[in-house]
Protein backbone atom coordinates (compact mmCIF):
# COMPACT_ATOMS: atom_id res chain seq x y z
CA MET A 1 -31.29 20.41 -35.47
CA GLU A 2 -34.74 18.82 -35.55
CA SER A 3 -33.75 17.66 -38.89
CA LEU A 4 -30.72 15.79 -37.66
CA PRO A 5 -30.68 12.06 -36.18
CA GLN A 6 -30.59 11.97 -33.04
CA GLU A 7 -26.46 10.30 -33.17
CA ILE A 8 -25.10 13.61 -35.18
CA VAL A 9 -26.54 16.08 -32.78
CA LEU A 10 -25.02 13.70 -29.78
CA ASP A 11 -21.75 13.98 -31.92
CA ILE A 12 -21.60 17.20 -32.22
CA ILE A 13 -22.98 18.42 -28.93
CA SER A 14 -20.38 16.10 -27.14
CA ARG A 15 -17.54 18.34 -28.55
CA LEU A 16 -18.50 21.42 -26.41
CA PRO A 17 -16.86 22.49 -23.11
CA ILE A 18 -18.57 21.47 -20.02
CA GLN A 19 -19.41 25.14 -19.20
CA SER A 20 -22.04 25.62 -22.60
CA LEU A 21 -23.38 22.13 -22.32
CA LEU A 22 -24.59 23.15 -18.83
CA GLN A 23 -25.53 26.26 -19.57
CA SER A 24 -27.16 24.92 -22.01
CA LYS A 25 -29.75 22.88 -19.74
CA CYS A 26 -31.33 26.07 -18.46
CA VAL A 27 -32.80 26.61 -22.67
CA CYS A 28 -35.14 24.23 -22.27
CA ARG A 29 -37.29 21.20 -20.82
CA ALA A 30 -35.95 19.62 -24.18
CA TRP A 31 -32.33 20.70 -24.30
CA GLN A 32 -32.47 19.38 -20.43
CA CYS A 33 -33.03 16.16 -21.42
CA LEU A 34 -30.45 16.13 -24.65
CA ILE A 35 -27.33 17.30 -22.38
CA GLN A 36 -28.82 14.30 -19.84
CA ASP A 37 -28.50 11.50 -22.31
CA PRO A 38 -26.53 8.74 -21.12
CA VAL A 39 -25.09 8.08 -24.36
CA LEU A 40 -23.80 12.25 -24.35
CA VAL A 41 -22.38 11.67 -21.28
CA HIS A 42 -20.22 9.16 -22.45
CA LYS A 43 -19.22 10.47 -25.92
CA HIS A 44 -18.34 13.77 -23.82
CA LEU A 45 -16.02 11.48 -21.13
CA CYS A 46 -14.38 9.55 -23.61
CA ARG A 47 -13.49 13.12 -25.52
CA MET A 48 -12.18 14.77 -22.28
CA GLU A 49 -10.12 11.82 -22.02
CA LYS A 50 -8.26 11.99 -24.70
CA ASN A 51 -7.38 16.15 -23.43
CA ASP A 52 -4.65 16.66 -21.00
CA PRO A 53 -6.38 16.34 -17.93
CA SER A 54 -7.91 19.29 -15.70
CA ILE A 55 -6.22 19.90 -11.93
CA ILE A 56 -7.83 19.04 -9.05
CA LEU A 57 -6.57 21.46 -6.14
CA GLN A 58 -7.24 21.63 -2.74
CA SER A 59 -7.20 24.83 -0.73
CA ASP A 60 -4.54 24.69 2.87
CA HIS A 61 -4.47 28.15 3.45
CA PRO A 62 -5.30 31.08 4.19
CA ILE A 63 -8.88 28.83 4.20
CA ASP A 64 -9.13 25.16 4.71
CA SER A 65 -10.95 22.46 2.45
CA GLU A 66 -11.74 24.25 -0.52
CA LEU A 67 -11.32 22.94 -4.28
CA TYR A 68 -10.82 24.36 -7.29
CA LEU A 69 -9.83 23.56 -11.11
CA GLY A 70 -6.34 24.09 -12.45
CA VAL A 71 -6.48 24.44 -15.93
CA LEU A 72 -3.11 24.52 -18.13
CA SER A 73 -2.22 27.51 -20.41
CA CYS A 74 0.68 27.10 -22.69
CA GLN A 75 2.54 30.77 -23.27
CA ASN A 76 3.70 32.16 -26.33
CA ASP A 77 7.83 31.55 -24.58
CA GLY A 78 6.66 28.01 -23.14
CA ASN A 79 6.03 28.24 -20.20
CA TYR A 80 3.01 27.13 -18.39
CA ASN A 81 0.72 28.91 -16.29
CA MET A 82 -2.46 27.22 -14.18
CA ILE A 83 -5.76 29.25 -14.07
CA THR A 84 -7.68 28.27 -11.24
CA LYS A 85 -11.20 28.82 -10.97
CA LYS A 86 -13.46 28.18 -7.41
CA LEU A 87 -14.82 25.55 -7.33
CA PRO A 88 -18.71 25.40 -5.53
CA MET A 89 -18.77 22.72 -2.38
CA PRO A 90 -21.84 19.95 -1.31
CA PRO A 91 -23.66 21.88 1.35
CA LEU A 92 -22.82 21.45 5.09
CA LEU A 93 -19.11 19.82 4.27
CA ARG A 94 -16.44 21.79 6.04
CA LYS A 95 -13.19 19.74 6.10
CA PHE A 96 -12.12 16.85 4.13
CA TYR A 97 -9.61 15.24 2.75
CA LEU A 98 -9.16 14.51 -1.12
CA SER A 99 -9.55 10.87 -1.62
CA GLY A 100 -9.81 9.72 -5.24
CA SER A 101 -11.13 10.91 -8.86
CA SER A 102 -13.12 8.72 -11.03
CA ASN A 103 -14.72 9.31 -14.86
CA GLY A 104 -15.03 13.22 -13.85
CA LEU A 105 -16.36 12.21 -9.76
CA ILE A 106 -14.77 12.68 -7.39
CA CYS A 107 -14.90 10.72 -3.83
CA LEU A 108 -14.17 13.01 -0.44
CA LEU A 109 -14.16 12.21 3.06
CA ASP A 110 -15.90 14.53 6.04
CA SER A 111 -13.16 14.70 8.72
CA TYR A 112 -16.31 16.50 10.60
CA GLN A 113 -19.03 14.02 10.20
CA LYS A 114 -17.58 10.46 11.66
CA LEU A 115 -14.81 10.20 8.72
CA LYS A 116 -18.23 10.10 6.11
CA PRO A 117 -17.21 10.07 2.66
CA PHE A 118 -19.05 11.58 -0.12
CA ILE A 119 -19.26 11.27 -3.78
CA TYR A 120 -18.86 14.38 -5.33
CA ASN A 121 -19.05 15.79 -9.32
CA PRO A 122 -17.89 19.39 -8.92
CA PHE A 123 -19.10 20.37 -12.03
CA THR A 124 -22.79 19.38 -12.15
CA GLY A 125 -23.11 19.81 -8.22
CA ASN A 126 -24.40 16.87 -8.04
CA TYR A 127 -23.49 14.41 -5.06
CA LEU A 128 -23.86 11.73 -2.77
CA ASP A 129 -23.50 10.58 1.15
CA LEU A 130 -22.57 7.44 1.55
CA PRO A 131 -22.33 5.27 5.09
CA ASP A 132 -20.32 6.12 7.77
CA LEU A 133 -17.18 4.34 7.46
CA PRO A 134 -16.54 0.97 9.90
CA LYS A 135 -14.99 2.53 12.49
CA ARG A 136 -11.72 -0.26 13.34
CA HIS A 137 -8.17 1.73 13.04
CA ASP A 138 -7.02 5.76 12.26
CA THR A 139 -5.50 5.31 10.00
CA ARG A 140 -7.53 4.28 6.71
CA ILE A 141 -6.64 5.24 2.98
CA LEU A 142 -9.63 5.09 0.56
CA GLY A 143 -9.88 4.39 -2.99
CA PHE A 144 -12.48 4.82 -5.77
CA GLY A 145 -12.97 3.86 -8.81
CA PHE A 146 -15.37 2.50 -12.12
CA ALA A 147 -14.81 -1.76 -12.72
CA PRO A 148 -15.98 -1.34 -16.12
CA THR A 149 -16.55 -4.83 -16.64
CA THR A 150 -19.58 -4.72 -13.79
CA LYS A 151 -20.40 -1.27 -14.27
CA GLU A 152 -20.05 -0.54 -10.78
CA TYR A 153 -17.96 2.16 -8.53
CA LYS A 154 -16.75 1.20 -5.49
CA VAL A 155 -15.20 3.16 -2.38
CA VAL A 156 -12.33 0.88 -0.61
CA GLU A 157 -10.97 1.82 3.09
CA LEU A 158 -7.93 -0.10 3.99
CA SER A 159 -7.46 0.74 7.86
CA PHE A 160 -5.11 -0.26 10.06
CA SER A 161 -3.09 0.61 13.42
CA PRO A 162 -0.42 3.35 12.71
CA TRP A 163 2.24 2.19 15.27
CA VAL A 164 3.70 -0.50 13.59
CA ARG A 165 7.58 -1.03 14.19
CA PHE A 166 9.26 -1.91 11.89
CA ASP A 167 12.23 -3.66 13.88
CA GLN A 168 10.16 -5.44 15.98
CA VAL A 169 10.97 -9.47 14.87
CA ASP A 170 7.74 -10.25 14.06
CA PRO A 171 5.32 -6.67 13.12
CA PRO A 172 1.75 -6.85 12.89
CA PHE A 173 1.35 -6.52 9.27
CA GLU A 174 -1.91 -6.25 8.25
CA ALA A 175 -4.99 -4.39 7.04
CA ASP A 176 -8.72 -4.50 7.48
CA VAL A 177 -10.40 -3.91 3.74
CA HIS A 178 -14.24 -2.83 3.78
CA VAL A 179 -15.65 -2.25 0.44
CA LEU A 180 -19.32 0.10 -0.45
CA THR A 181 -20.33 -0.33 -4.11
CA ILE A 182 -22.38 2.23 -4.60
CA GLY A 183 -25.53 2.23 -4.84
CA SER A 184 -25.60 -0.29 -1.56
CA PRO A 185 -27.11 0.64 1.69
CA THR A 186 -23.66 -0.51 3.65
CA TRP A 187 -20.21 -1.91 3.41
CA ARG A 188 -19.12 -5.24 3.06
CA ASN A 189 -16.23 -6.41 5.07
CA LEU A 190 -13.48 -8.15 3.12
CA GLY A 191 -11.15 -9.41 5.77
CA THR A 192 -7.56 -8.81 6.00
CA VAL A 193 -4.62 -8.55 4.11
CA PRO A 194 -0.68 -9.28 5.20
CA PHE A 195 0.25 -5.29 4.00
CA TYR A 196 1.34 -2.25 4.70
CA PHE A 197 0.10 -0.20 2.83
CA MET A 198 1.90 3.83 2.04
CA ARG A 199 0.50 7.12 3.36
CA ARG A 200 1.12 10.16 2.08
CA LYS A 201 -0.04 13.60 2.32
CA TYR A 202 -3.13 12.64 0.41
CA ASN A 203 -3.84 8.86 0.08
CA HIS A 204 -2.76 7.94 -3.34
CA HIS A 205 -3.82 5.65 -5.42
CA VAL A 206 -4.26 4.88 -9.35
CA LEU A 207 -6.95 3.42 -11.39
CA ILE A 208 -5.99 1.17 -14.28
CA ASN A 209 -7.79 -1.41 -16.05
CA GLY A 210 -10.30 -2.21 -13.56
CA LYS A 211 -8.08 -2.16 -11.07
CA LEU A 212 -6.44 0.15 -7.50
CA HIS A 213 -2.89 0.08 -7.17
CA TRP A 214 -1.19 1.65 -3.67
CA VAL A 215 2.59 0.92 -3.12
CA SER A 216 2.92 -1.79 0.36
CA HIS A 217 5.66 -1.02 2.87
CA PRO A 218 7.97 -4.37 3.13
CA THR A 219 6.41 -7.49 4.53
CA ARG A 220 8.07 -10.56 6.43
CA ASN A 221 8.97 -11.91 3.02
CA ARG A 222 9.93 -9.27 1.19
CA THR A 223 12.47 -7.08 1.61
CA THR A 224 11.06 -4.14 -0.95
CA ASN A 225 8.49 -1.80 -1.38
CA LEU A 226 5.36 -3.68 -3.35
CA ILE A 227 3.06 -2.58 -5.55
CA ILE A 228 -0.30 -4.28 -4.83
CA SER A 229 -3.88 -3.97 -6.95
CA PHE A 230 -7.29 -4.88 -5.55
CA ASP A 231 -9.63 -5.79 -8.56
CA LEU A 232 -12.84 -3.92 -8.29
CA ALA A 233 -14.82 -6.48 -9.68
CA THR A 234 -13.35 -9.69 -8.77
CA GLU A 235 -12.48 -7.87 -5.30
CA LYS A 236 -8.74 -9.43 -5.00
CA PHE A 237 -5.74 -8.33 -4.41
CA GLU A 238 -2.40 -9.25 -6.42
CA GLU A 239 0.53 -8.19 -5.96
CA ILE A 240 2.27 -6.59 -9.65
CA PRO A 241 5.43 -7.64 -10.90
CA LEU A 242 8.85 -6.10 -9.79
CA PRO A 243 11.33 -5.53 -12.84
CA ASP A 244 14.57 -7.78 -12.07
CA CYS A 245 17.82 -4.91 -11.43
CA SER A 246 20.52 -5.65 -12.27
CA SER A 247 22.49 -3.20 -10.25
CA SER A 248 22.23 -4.25 -6.65
CA ASN A 249 23.13 -0.68 -5.69
CA SER A 250 20.15 0.67 -6.97
CA ASN A 251 17.29 2.09 -4.84
CA LEU A 252 15.11 0.38 -6.90
CA ALA A 253 16.99 -2.64 -6.04
CA LYS A 254 16.82 -2.33 -2.05
CA GLU A 255 13.81 -0.14 -1.97
CA GLY A 256 11.74 -0.88 -4.94
CA PHE A 257 9.23 2.12 -6.20
CA GLY A 258 8.08 5.04 -4.06
CA GLN A 259 5.28 6.08 -6.12
CA VAL A 260 2.60 5.01 -8.85
CA ALA A 261 0.93 6.66 -11.58
CA VAL A 262 -0.40 6.33 -14.97
CA LEU A 263 0.90 7.20 -18.10
CA ARG A 264 -0.62 7.36 -21.56
CA GLY A 265 -2.73 4.50 -20.42
CA CYS A 266 -0.40 2.74 -18.47
CA LEU A 267 0.98 1.45 -14.88
CA SER A 268 3.97 4.03 -14.35
CA ALA A 269 6.03 3.81 -11.18
CA LEU A 270 8.83 6.39 -9.26
CA CYS A 271 12.27 5.44 -8.04
CA TYR A 272 14.44 7.44 -6.38
CA GLU A 273 18.70 6.93 -6.77
CA ASP A 274 20.24 8.59 -4.26
CA GLU A 275 23.75 8.43 -5.59
CA ASN A 276 22.66 10.21 -8.90
CA GLU A 277 19.85 12.37 -7.55
CA GLN A 278 17.28 11.37 -9.94
CA LEU A 279 13.98 10.30 -10.21
CA GLU A 280 13.77 7.08 -12.68
CA ILE A 281 10.31 6.86 -14.06
CA TRP A 282 9.14 3.02 -15.25
CA VAL A 283 6.44 1.93 -17.11
CA MET A 284 4.83 -1.06 -17.79
CA LYS A 285 3.73 -1.23 -20.97
CA GLU A 286 2.38 -4.44 -21.49
CA TYR A 287 -0.45 -4.84 -17.58
CA GLY A 288 0.77 -7.45 -15.81
CA VAL A 289 4.11 -8.88 -18.02
CA LYS A 290 7.12 -8.45 -15.45
CA GLU A 291 9.25 -8.16 -18.82
CA SER A 292 7.71 -5.27 -20.07
CA TRP A 293 8.90 -2.79 -17.69
CA SER A 294 11.14 -0.07 -18.87
CA LYS A 295 12.76 3.06 -17.59
CA GLU A 296 11.19 5.72 -19.76
CA PHE A 297 12.26 8.97 -17.64
CA SER A 298 14.88 9.96 -15.35
CA THR A 299 15.22 13.74 -14.40
CA GLY A 300 17.68 15.57 -12.19
CA VAL A 301 16.88 17.70 -9.25
CA PHE A 302 14.34 20.39 -9.34
CA VAL A 303 13.42 23.13 -6.52
CA PRO A 304 10.17 25.14 -7.88
CA LYS A 305 10.51 28.80 -7.33
CA ILE A 306 7.64 29.56 -5.14
CA MET A 307 9.05 26.95 -3.20
CA LEU A 308 11.73 29.00 -2.85
CA GLU A 309 10.08 31.95 -2.10
CA GLN A 310 7.71 30.40 0.31
CA GLU A 311 10.17 28.98 2.65
CA ASP A 312 13.64 29.08 4.34
CA PRO A 313 16.15 28.35 1.46
CA GLY A 314 18.76 27.29 3.10
CA SER A 315 16.65 24.99 5.43
CA PHE A 316 16.47 20.49 5.61
CA PHE A 317 12.61 20.38 4.42
CA ASN A 318 13.04 22.73 1.25
CA SER A 319 16.47 21.58 0.34
CA LYS A 320 17.10 19.58 -3.45
CA TYR A 321 17.32 16.07 -1.06
CA TYR A 322 14.97 16.84 0.31
CA LEU A 323 12.18 17.81 -1.96
CA HIS A 324 13.84 15.33 -4.39
CA GLN A 325 13.59 12.39 -2.10
CA ARG A 326 10.40 11.99 -1.04
CA GLN A 327 8.58 14.32 -2.17
CA THR A 328 8.45 14.20 -5.75
CA GLY A 329 4.90 13.34 -6.96
CA VAL A 330 3.95 13.24 -11.61
CA LEU A 331 0.72 13.83 -12.24
CA CYS A 332 0.94 12.99 -15.78
CA LEU A 333 1.94 12.77 -19.14
CA LEU A 334 0.94 15.96 -21.30
CA ARG A 335 -0.10 15.70 -25.36
CA SER A 336 3.23 17.73 -25.49
CA GLY A 337 5.53 14.84 -24.22
CA GLU A 338 6.41 16.91 -21.24
CA LEU A 339 5.83 15.46 -17.12
CA LEU A 340 3.53 17.60 -14.82
CA LEU A 341 5.20 17.16 -11.29
CA GLU A 342 4.10 18.10 -8.40
CA TYR A 343 5.80 18.80 -5.00
CA ARG A 344 5.25 18.04 -1.38
CA ASN A 345 1.41 19.67 -2.39
CA LYS A 346 3.08 22.99 -2.94
CA ALA A 347 4.36 23.69 -6.34
CA LEU A 348 3.71 22.19 -10.16
CA GLY A 349 6.63 21.96 -12.26
CA ILE A 350 6.87 20.78 -16.13
CA TYR A 351 9.90 18.65 -17.33
CA ASP A 352 11.04 18.51 -20.66
CA PRO A 353 13.01 15.07 -21.31
CA LYS A 354 13.60 16.26 -24.36
CA CYS A 355 15.52 19.45 -23.97
CA ARG A 356 16.12 17.64 -19.95
CA ILE A 357 14.81 20.64 -18.49
CA PHE A 358 12.33 21.81 -15.70
CA ARG A 359 10.00 24.72 -16.04
CA ASP A 360 8.31 26.63 -13.28
CA VAL A 361 4.12 26.47 -13.31
CA GLN A 362 3.12 29.75 -12.67
CA PHE A 363 -0.15 29.89 -10.72
CA ILE A 364 -3.12 32.57 -11.35
CA PHE A 365 -5.27 32.34 -8.32
CA GLU A 366 -8.71 33.48 -8.20
CA GLY A 367 -7.73 34.19 -4.49
CA ILE A 368 -6.68 31.17 -2.25
CA PRO A 369 -2.41 31.50 -3.33
CA LYS A 370 -1.77 27.50 -1.42
CA PHE A 371 -2.82 23.91 -1.35
CA ARG A 372 -2.43 20.91 0.33
CA ALA A 373 -3.37 17.96 -2.31
CA VAL A 374 -3.46 17.90 -5.88
CA LEU A 375 -5.18 15.29 -8.56
CA ASP A 376 -5.49 14.61 -11.92
CA HIS A 377 -9.09 15.20 -13.48
CA VAL A 378 -11.05 14.44 -16.55
CA THR A 379 -13.90 16.74 -16.82
CA SER A 380 -17.15 15.43 -17.09
CA LEU A 381 -21.42 15.53 -17.04
CA ASN A 382 -21.03 12.46 -15.22
CA TRP A 383 -24.56 12.14 -12.84
CA ILE A 384 -24.14 11.19 -9.23
CA ASP A 385 -27.35 9.40 -8.25
CA SER A 386 -26.49 5.68 -8.25
CA THR A 387 -28.77 4.69 -11.04
CA SER A 388 -27.44 7.74 -13.34
CA LEU A 389 -23.86 5.97 -12.30
CA VAL A 390 -24.97 2.73 -13.49
CA ASN A 391 -27.06 4.46 -16.80
CA ILE A 392 -23.80 6.33 -17.80
CA ALA A 393 -21.60 3.38 -17.71
CA ASN A 394 -23.56 1.23 -19.78
CA GLY A 395 -23.72 3.89 -22.00
């Protein structure tokens, strides 16, 4: 291999699975330096982004706050298994919230240490504990992502009072905003913004074009939900234009979108149609262009088999209405063209839009049978110290 040009060697090695690359670091010092080469890390990440993403699962019972890696496996009969493997955890991190993923790095919020955030690569084992969050309000949402123009990773904290009553004449629709650039010792206060962000069981945001996106409740001047973006480079908030809806009876016209997602690199959003019991998935094919919104998918109601087995099938909380109304999320669009869905952080399902059928995803666990949070994730060699983060981004 010494006779080959360096760029060819890196191209060949970048095709290996991450487990093989990590094992190769133990061969010798030269291999260790090679595996840590920023060019290799960048090449490997780009290849992984073209594959179906892996899934990060946070356990709920019987052991709380452990991480698992889930990899989808399609069987000969067309059904899917989710093969899971327990991931190592940073030392002294006992209980946490799973707050986001970017370029193979995940953001964790330690609920014991004064809500202290961590950035962690569960495959390399590297982690970085960040400065404590500013103490403002009890309810807080974190966003984590990479700004490609400035080559910086940032964590954004949105905090607000949980006691807003929407029947008030003049409710306090605002959130305090703090930003931390990875490598900086302190959080910066950006003031307040006039939005009241939706908070799911885990902080759900998406990153696209260097911008974080959340759904916000209606404001004083708007009667429907809003999609709000935050540009990690300019640190400015902006409302994303929503599609015009000709049907005044539709939920999209009355309420707006309930969740956001990224499907094949496009900003996507979910709307729940009560009358027809449909989950509508809209895709913004040209980012920022209102006219490019298109309704790409419309699914019916599905209750995963595992949820019927674990809970009382006749209860309201396990009914089709309750599941479909607010508890179905879209994780990603697979290369097969099928949608990977999650249900109340308790089960996964596959929807085939061509055949219009649902399939359960059968879990194969090492040990933990239930989880509380789930997000899609790209496995990466990305290092966790601030100097390496900048170098890898430039690679």
